[in-house]
Amino acid sequence: MVNAQTVVRGIKNGLSVTWELGKVMVPIYFVITFLKYTPVLPWIARQFAPVMQLMGLPGEASLALVFGFVMNIYASIGVIASLDMTVRQVTIIASVLLICHSLPVETAISKKTGVRVMPLLALRLGLGLIVGILLNLVI
């Protein structure tokens, strides 16, 4: 049964989660927006453009992938939100990130369970690239 205490607890939990996500997403959004007006972001985009083109993504999307691979999906969302991407491109990048997110954390956890880390890392990165390329061809 829903009562006032349940509603208050829900609001507190919701605000707590919003604060945690905001601490990651908002600074990254501002950094990427700032970098768009400097030579840094275009340089990064040019370096990664060949690989990103295989997946039908702009070179700038490489930052979203790197943030997602190293940090978490929420950092990637901050980058994606600051870029002008189509629904198709967001779908492709989200699919890749579903396979290859938070690699350091998840690799450490996998290692504790006795899984060989390098094959797992290669599998996730390889499958992410394959899915990105296939979605680019299909969508």
N, C-alpha and C. Protein backbone atom coordinates (compact mmCIF):
# COMPACT_ATOMS: atom_id res chain seq x y z
N MET A 1 0.83 -1.17 0.00
CA MET A 1 0.00 0.00 0.00
C MET A 1 0.88 1.24 0.00
N VAL A 2 0.50 2.21 -0.79
CA VAL A 2 1.26 3.44 -0.91
C VAL A 2 0.78 4.42 0.15
N ASN A 3 1.74 4.90 0.93
CA ASN A 3 1.40 5.90 1.94
C ASN A 3 2.40 7.05 1.85
N ALA A 4 2.26 8.03 2.69
CA ALA A 4 3.09 9.23 2.64
C ALA A 4 4.58 8.88 2.82
N GLN A 5 4.85 7.92 3.69
CA GLN A 5 6.24 7.52 3.93
C GLN A 5 6.87 6.91 2.66
N THR A 6 6.10 6.14 1.94
CA THR A 6 6.58 5.54 0.69
C THR A 6 6.87 6.61 -0.34
N VAL A 7 6.00 7.59 -0.45
CA VAL A 7 6.18 8.68 -1.41
C VAL A 7 7.42 9.49 -1.05
N VAL A 8 7.60 9.81 0.21
CA VAL A 8 8.76 10.59 0.66
C VAL A 8 10.05 9.82 0.38
N ARG A 9 10.06 8.52 0.69
CA ARG A 9 11.24 7.69 0.43
C ARG A 9 11.55 7.64 -1.07
N GLY A 10 10.51 7.52 -1.89
CA GLY A 10 10.69 7.50 -3.34
C GLY A 10 11.26 8.80 -3.86
N ILE A 11 10.77 9.92 -3.35
CA ILE A 11 11.29 11.23 -3.77
C ILE A 11 12.75 11.37 -3.35
N LYS A 12 13.09 10.97 -2.13
CA LYS A 12 14.48 11.05 -1.66
C LYS A 12 15.40 10.18 -2.52
N ASN A 13 14.95 8.96 -2.81
CA ASN A 13 15.77 8.07 -3.65
C ASN A 13 15.92 8.63 -5.06
N GLY A 14 14.85 9.16 -5.61
CA GLY A 14 14.90 9.74 -6.94
C GLY A 14 15.85 10.93 -7.01
N LEU A 15 15.80 11.80 -6.02
CA LEU A 15 16.70 12.95 -5.99
C LEU A 15 18.15 12.50 -5.80
N SER A 16 18.36 11.47 -5.00
CA SER A 16 19.71 10.95 -4.79
C SER A 16 20.29 10.40 -6.10
N VAL A 17 19.51 9.63 -6.83
CA VAL A 17 19.97 9.08 -8.11
C VAL A 17 20.22 10.20 -9.11
N THR A 18 19.32 11.17 -9.16
CA THR A 18 19.49 12.31 -10.07
C THR A 18 20.78 13.06 -9.75
N TRP A 19 21.07 13.25 -8.49
CA TRP A 19 22.30 13.94 -8.08
C TRP A 19 23.53 13.15 -8.52
N GLU A 20 23.53 11.83 -8.29
CA GLU A 20 24.67 10.99 -8.66
C GLU A 20 24.90 11.02 -10.17
N LEU A 21 23.85 10.92 -10.96
CA LEU A 21 23.98 10.96 -12.42
C LEU A 21 24.41 12.35 -12.88
N GLY A 22 23.86 13.36 -12.29
CA GLY A 22 24.20 14.73 -12.66
C GLY A 22 25.66 15.06 -12.41
N LYS A 23 26.23 14.50 -11.34
CA LYS A 23 27.64 14.76 -11.02
C LYS A 23 28.56 14.23 -12.12
N VAL A 24 28.13 13.22 -12.85
CA VAL A 24 28.93 12.68 -13.94
C VAL A 24 28.57 13.35 -15.26
N MET A 25 27.29 13.41 -15.57
CA MET A 25 26.85 13.84 -16.89
C MET A 25 27.04 15.33 -17.15
N VAL A 26 26.71 16.18 -16.20
CA VAL A 26 26.75 17.63 -16.43
C VAL A 26 28.17 18.13 -16.70
N PRO A 27 29.16 17.77 -15.88
CA PRO A 27 30.52 18.25 -16.20
C PRO A 27 31.02 17.75 -17.55
N ILE A 28 30.73 16.49 -17.89
CA ILE A 28 31.18 15.96 -19.17
C ILE A 28 30.49 16.70 -20.31
N TYR A 29 29.21 16.97 -20.15
CA TYR A 29 28.47 17.72 -21.17
C TYR A 29 29.14 19.07 -21.42
N PHE A 30 29.49 19.77 -20.35
CA PHE A 30 30.11 21.09 -20.50
C PHE A 30 31.51 20.99 -21.12
N VAL A 31 32.28 19.99 -20.72
CA VAL A 31 33.63 19.82 -21.27
C VAL A 31 33.55 19.55 -22.77
N ILE A 32 32.66 18.65 -23.18
CA ILE A 32 32.55 18.33 -24.61
C ILE A 32 32.03 19.54 -25.39
N THR A 33 31.07 20.24 -24.83
CA THR A 33 30.56 21.44 -25.50
C THR A 33 31.68 22.46 -25.65
N PHE A 34 32.50 22.64 -24.64
CA PHE A 34 33.64 23.55 -24.71
C PHE A 34 34.63 23.08 -25.78
N LEU A 35 34.93 21.78 -25.80
CA LEU A 35 35.89 21.24 -26.75
C LEU A 35 35.43 21.38 -28.20
N LYS A 36 34.11 21.44 -28.41
CA LYS A 36 33.60 21.61 -29.77
C LYS A 36 34.06 22.93 -30.37
N TYR A 37 34.36 23.92 -29.53
CA TYR A 37 34.77 25.24 -30.00
C TYR A 37 36.28 25.44 -29.95
N THR A 38 37.01 24.35 -29.77
CA THR A 38 38.47 24.39 -29.78
C THR A 38 38.96 23.44 -30.87
N PRO A 39 40.23 23.45 -31.18
CA PRO A 39 40.75 22.51 -32.18
C PRO A 39 40.86 21.07 -31.66
N VAL A 40 40.67 20.86 -30.37
CA VAL A 40 40.88 19.53 -29.78
C VAL A 40 39.87 18.51 -30.28
N LEU A 41 38.59 18.82 -30.19
CA LEU A 41 37.56 17.86 -30.59
C LEU A 41 37.65 17.53 -32.08
N PRO A 42 37.82 18.51 -32.96
CA PRO A 42 37.98 18.16 -34.37
C PRO A 42 39.21 17.27 -34.63
N TRP A 43 40.30 17.50 -33.90
CA TRP A 43 41.48 16.67 -34.06
C TRP A 43 41.20 15.23 -33.64
N ILE A 44 40.55 15.06 -32.49
CA ILE A 44 40.19 13.71 -32.02
C ILE A 44 39.26 13.05 -33.03
N ALA A 45 38.31 13.80 -33.52
CA ALA A 45 37.34 13.27 -34.49
C ALA A 45 38.05 12.78 -35.75
N ARG A 46 39.02 13.53 -36.23
CA ARG A 46 39.76 13.12 -37.43
C ARG A 46 40.56 11.84 -37.20
N GLN A 47 41.12 11.70 -36.01
CA GLN A 47 41.93 10.51 -35.72
C GLN A 47 41.09 9.23 -35.72
N PHE A 48 39.87 9.34 -35.21
CA PHE A 48 39.02 8.16 -35.09
C PHE A 48 37.99 8.01 -36.20
N ALA A 49 37.96 8.96 -37.12
CA ALA A 49 36.95 8.95 -38.18
C ALA A 49 36.90 7.66 -38.99
N PRO A 50 38.04 7.07 -39.38
CA PRO A 50 37.96 5.84 -40.18
C PRO A 50 37.21 4.70 -39.48
N VAL A 51 37.49 4.50 -38.21
CA VAL A 51 36.81 3.43 -37.47
C VAL A 51 35.34 3.80 -37.24
N MET A 52 35.09 5.05 -36.92
CA MET A 52 33.72 5.48 -36.67
C MET A 52 32.88 5.38 -37.94
N GLN A 53 33.48 5.65 -39.11
CA GLN A 53 32.74 5.55 -40.37
C GLN A 53 32.27 4.14 -40.63
N LEU A 54 33.04 3.14 -40.20
CA LEU A 54 32.61 1.74 -40.35
C LEU A 54 31.28 1.49 -39.64
N MET A 55 31.07 2.24 -38.56
CA MET A 55 29.85 2.08 -37.78
C MET A 55 28.81 3.15 -38.12
N GLY A 56 29.11 4.00 -39.09
CA GLY A 56 28.17 5.05 -39.47
C GLY A 56 28.06 6.16 -38.46
N LEU A 57 29.14 6.38 -37.71
CA LEU A 57 29.15 7.40 -36.66
C LEU A 57 30.12 8.51 -37.00
N PRO A 58 29.86 9.72 -36.52
CA PRO A 58 30.83 10.81 -36.71
C PRO A 58 32.06 10.55 -35.83
N GLY A 59 33.18 11.13 -36.20
CA GLY A 59 34.41 10.95 -35.44
C GLY A 59 34.27 11.37 -33.98
N GLU A 60 33.45 12.40 -33.73
CA GLU A 60 33.26 12.89 -32.36
C GLU A 60 32.65 11.82 -31.45
N ALA A 61 31.95 10.87 -32.05
CA ALA A 61 31.31 9.81 -31.26
C ALA A 61 32.34 8.92 -30.58
N SER A 62 33.59 8.99 -31.04
CA SER A 62 34.63 8.19 -30.40
C SER A 62 34.79 8.58 -28.93
N LEU A 63 34.56 9.85 -28.62
CA LEU A 63 34.64 10.28 -27.21
C LEU A 63 33.57 9.61 -26.37
N ALA A 64 32.38 9.49 -26.92
CA ALA A 64 31.30 8.82 -26.18
C ALA A 64 31.66 7.36 -25.94
N LEU A 65 32.25 6.73 -26.94
CA LEU A 65 32.65 5.33 -26.78
C LEU A 65 33.76 5.20 -25.73
N VAL A 66 34.75 6.06 -25.81
CA VAL A 66 35.86 5.99 -24.85
C VAL A 66 35.37 6.21 -23.43
N PHE A 67 34.53 7.23 -23.23
CA PHE A 67 34.00 7.48 -21.89
C PHE A 67 33.18 6.28 -21.41
N GLY A 68 32.40 5.70 -22.30
CA GLY A 68 31.59 4.53 -21.93
C GLY A 68 32.44 3.31 -21.64
N PHE A 69 33.47 3.10 -22.44
CA PHE A 69 34.36 1.95 -22.23
C PHE A 69 35.09 2.08 -20.89
N VAL A 70 35.60 3.27 -20.60
CA VAL A 70 36.45 3.46 -19.43
C VAL A 70 35.66 3.79 -18.17
N MET A 71 34.64 4.63 -18.31
CA MET A 71 33.88 5.04 -17.13
C MET A 71 32.57 4.25 -17.05
N ASN A 72 31.51 4.86 -17.55
CA ASN A 72 30.21 4.20 -17.52
C ASN A 72 29.29 4.80 -18.59
N ILE A 73 28.13 4.22 -18.72
CA ILE A 73 27.19 4.65 -19.75
C ILE A 73 26.73 6.08 -19.51
N TYR A 74 26.63 6.50 -18.27
CA TYR A 74 26.15 7.85 -17.98
C TYR A 74 27.13 8.90 -18.48
N ALA A 75 28.42 8.62 -18.41
CA ALA A 75 29.40 9.55 -18.98
C ALA A 75 29.21 9.65 -20.49
N SER A 76 28.92 8.52 -21.13
CA SER A 76 28.65 8.52 -22.57
C SER A 76 27.41 9.34 -22.91
N ILE A 77 26.40 9.23 -22.08
CA ILE A 77 25.18 10.00 -22.33
C ILE A 77 25.48 11.49 -22.30
N GLY A 78 26.36 11.91 -21.39
CA GLY A 78 26.75 13.31 -21.35
C GLY A 78 27.41 13.75 -22.65
N VAL A 79 28.23 12.89 -23.23
CA VAL A 79 28.88 13.21 -24.50
C VAL A 79 27.85 13.21 -25.63
N ILE A 80 27.03 12.16 -25.68
CA ILE A 80 26.03 12.03 -26.75
C ILE A 80 25.09 13.23 -26.75
N ALA A 81 24.69 13.67 -25.57
CA ALA A 81 23.77 14.79 -25.46
C ALA A 81 24.37 16.08 -26.01
N SER A 82 25.70 16.19 -25.96
CA SER A 82 26.34 17.42 -26.43
C SER A 82 26.65 17.39 -27.92
N LEU A 83 26.45 16.24 -28.56
CA LEU A 83 26.72 16.12 -30.00
C LEU A 83 25.41 16.11 -30.78
N ASP A 84 25.48 16.51 -32.03
CA ASP A 84 24.32 16.45 -32.91
C ASP A 84 24.32 15.09 -33.61
N MET A 85 23.58 14.15 -33.04
CA MET A 85 23.54 12.80 -33.61
C MET A 85 22.10 12.45 -33.97
N THR A 86 21.96 11.65 -35.02
CA THR A 86 20.63 11.21 -35.43
C THR A 86 20.18 10.05 -34.54
N VAL A 87 18.91 9.73 -34.63
CA VAL A 87 18.37 8.60 -33.87
C VAL A 87 19.10 7.32 -34.27
N ARG A 88 19.36 7.18 -35.55
CA ARG A 88 20.09 6.01 -36.07
C ARG A 88 21.46 5.90 -35.42
N GLN A 89 22.20 7.01 -35.36
CA GLN A 89 23.54 7.01 -34.78
C GLN A 89 23.50 6.72 -33.28
N VAL A 90 22.52 7.28 -32.59
CA VAL A 90 22.40 7.03 -31.16
C VAL A 90 22.07 5.55 -30.92
N THR A 91 21.25 4.97 -31.77
CA THR A 91 20.92 3.54 -31.65
C THR A 91 22.17 2.69 -31.81
N ILE A 92 22.98 3.02 -32.79
CA ILE A 92 24.21 2.25 -33.04
C ILE A 92 25.16 2.39 -31.86
N ILE A 93 25.40 3.61 -31.41
CA ILE A 93 26.36 3.81 -30.32
C ILE A 93 25.85 3.19 -29.02
N ALA A 94 24.55 3.26 -28.79
CA ALA A 94 23.98 2.65 -27.58
C ALA A 94 24.14 1.13 -27.62
N SER A 95 23.98 0.54 -28.77
CA SER A 95 24.14 -0.91 -28.91
C SER A 95 25.58 -1.33 -28.64
N VAL A 96 26.53 -0.56 -29.16
CA VAL A 96 27.94 -0.86 -28.91
C VAL A 96 28.24 -0.74 -27.42
N LEU A 97 27.71 0.31 -26.80
CA LEU A 97 27.96 0.53 -25.38
C LEU A 97 27.31 -0.52 -24.48
N LEU A 98 26.22 -1.10 -24.95
CA LEU A 98 25.61 -2.17 -24.17
C LEU A 98 26.55 -3.36 -24.02
N ILE A 99 27.38 -3.56 -25.02
CA ILE A 99 28.32 -4.67 -25.01
C ILE A 99 29.63 -4.29 -24.31
N CYS A 100 30.06 -3.06 -24.51
CA CYS A 100 31.41 -2.64 -24.07
C CYS A 100 31.39 -1.51 -23.07
N HIS A 101 30.64 -1.57 -22.03
CA HIS A 101 30.63 -0.48 -21.05
C HIS A 101 31.41 -0.86 -19.80
N SER A 102 31.93 0.14 -19.13
CA SER A 102 32.61 -0.02 -17.84
C SER A 102 33.63 -1.15 -17.85
N LEU A 103 34.48 -1.17 -18.84
CA LEU A 103 35.42 -2.28 -19.00
C LEU A 103 36.36 -2.48 -17.81
N PRO A 104 36.97 -1.43 -17.25
CA PRO A 104 37.87 -1.69 -16.11
C PRO A 104 37.17 -2.32 -14.91
N VAL A 105 36.00 -1.82 -14.58
CA VAL A 105 35.28 -2.36 -13.42
C VAL A 105 34.83 -3.79 -13.67
N GLU A 106 34.20 -4.02 -14.82
CA GLU A 106 33.68 -5.34 -15.10
C GLU A 106 34.79 -6.36 -15.35
N THR A 107 35.92 -5.90 -15.88
CA THR A 107 37.06 -6.80 -16.07
C THR A 107 37.63 -7.21 -14.72
N ALA A 108 37.73 -6.27 -13.80
CA ALA A 108 38.22 -6.60 -12.45
C ALA A 108 37.30 -7.59 -11.75
N ILE A 109 36.01 -7.39 -11.89
CA ILE A 109 35.05 -8.32 -11.28
C ILE A 109 35.17 -9.69 -11.92
N SER A 110 35.29 -9.73 -13.24
CA SER A 110 35.42 -11.01 -13.95
C SER A 110 36.69 -11.74 -13.53
N LYS A 111 37.76 -10.99 -13.33
CA LYS A 111 39.04 -11.59 -12.92
C LYS A 111 38.89 -12.27 -11.56
N LYS A 112 38.15 -11.65 -10.68
CA LYS A 112 37.93 -12.24 -9.34
C LYS A 112 37.19 -13.57 -9.42
N THR A 113 36.39 -13.74 -10.47
CA THR A 113 35.64 -15.00 -10.61
C THR A 113 36.47 -16.08 -11.30
N GLY A 114 37.68 -15.72 -11.76
CA GLY A 114 38.55 -16.70 -12.38
C GLY A 114 38.51 -16.71 -13.91
N VAL A 115 37.80 -15.78 -14.50
CA VAL A 115 37.72 -15.69 -15.96
C VAL A 115 39.02 -15.10 -16.49
N ARG A 116 39.49 -15.61 -17.62
CA ARG A 116 40.67 -15.03 -18.26
C ARG A 116 40.27 -13.68 -18.85
N VAL A 117 40.97 -12.65 -18.45
CA VAL A 117 40.57 -11.28 -18.73
C VAL A 117 40.80 -10.87 -20.20
N MET A 118 41.94 -11.15 -20.75
CA MET A 118 42.26 -10.68 -22.11
C MET A 118 41.31 -11.25 -23.17
N PRO A 119 41.01 -12.56 -23.15
CA PRO A 119 40.04 -13.05 -24.14
C PRO A 119 38.66 -12.41 -23.97
N LEU A 120 38.26 -12.20 -22.73
CA LEU A 120 36.96 -11.58 -22.47
C LEU A 120 36.94 -10.14 -22.98
N LEU A 121 38.00 -9.41 -22.73
CA LEU A 121 38.11 -8.03 -23.20
C LEU A 121 38.10 -7.97 -24.73
N ALA A 122 38.87 -8.86 -25.36
CA ALA A 122 38.91 -8.91 -26.82
C ALA A 122 37.54 -9.28 -27.39
N LEU A 123 36.86 -10.20 -26.74
CA LEU A 123 35.53 -10.62 -27.19
C LEU A 123 34.54 -9.46 -27.12
N ARG A 124 34.52 -8.75 -26.00
CA ARG A 124 33.59 -7.65 -25.84
C ARG A 124 33.87 -6.52 -26.83
N LEU A 125 35.14 -6.15 -26.97
CA LEU A 125 35.48 -5.07 -27.91
C LEU A 125 35.22 -5.49 -29.35
N GLY A 126 35.58 -6.73 -29.68
CA GLY A 126 35.34 -7.23 -31.03
C GLY A 126 33.86 -7.31 -31.37
N LEU A 127 33.07 -7.84 -30.44
CA LEU A 127 31.62 -7.91 -30.67
C LEU A 127 30.99 -6.53 -30.75
N GLY A 128 31.48 -5.60 -29.95
CA GLY A 128 30.97 -4.24 -30.02
C GLY A 128 31.20 -3.64 -31.40
N LEU A 129 32.41 -3.82 -31.93
CA LEU A 129 32.73 -3.31 -33.26
C LEU A 129 31.88 -4.00 -34.33
N ILE A 130 31.74 -5.31 -34.23
CA ILE A 130 30.93 -6.06 -35.20
C ILE A 130 29.48 -5.61 -35.17
N VAL A 131 28.92 -5.46 -33.98
CA VAL A 131 27.53 -5.01 -33.86
C VAL A 131 27.37 -3.61 -34.46
N GLY A 132 28.34 -2.72 -34.18
CA GLY A 132 28.28 -1.37 -34.75
C GLY A 132 28.30 -1.40 -36.27
N ILE A 133 29.17 -2.22 -36.83
CA ILE A 133 29.27 -2.32 -38.29
C ILE A 133 27.99 -2.93 -38.88
N LEU A 134 27.50 -4.00 -38.27
CA LEU A 134 26.29 -4.65 -38.78
C LEU A 134 25.08 -3.74 -38.70
N LEU A 135 24.95 -3.03 -37.61
CA LEU A 135 23.82 -2.10 -37.49
C LEU A 135 23.93 -0.98 -38.52
N ASN A 136 25.13 -0.53 -38.80
CA ASN A 136 25.32 0.48 -39.82
C ASN A 136 24.83 -0.03 -41.19
N LEU A 137 25.06 -1.30 -41.45
CA LEU A 137 24.63 -1.88 -42.72
C LEU A 137 23.15 -2.15 -42.78
N VAL A 138 22.56 -2.48 -41.64
CA VAL A 138 21.15 -2.90 -41.59
C VAL A 138 20.19 -1.75 -41.43
N ILE A 139 20.53 -0.80 -40.57
CA ILE A 139 19.59 0.28 -40.25
C ILE A 139 19.63 1.34 -41.35
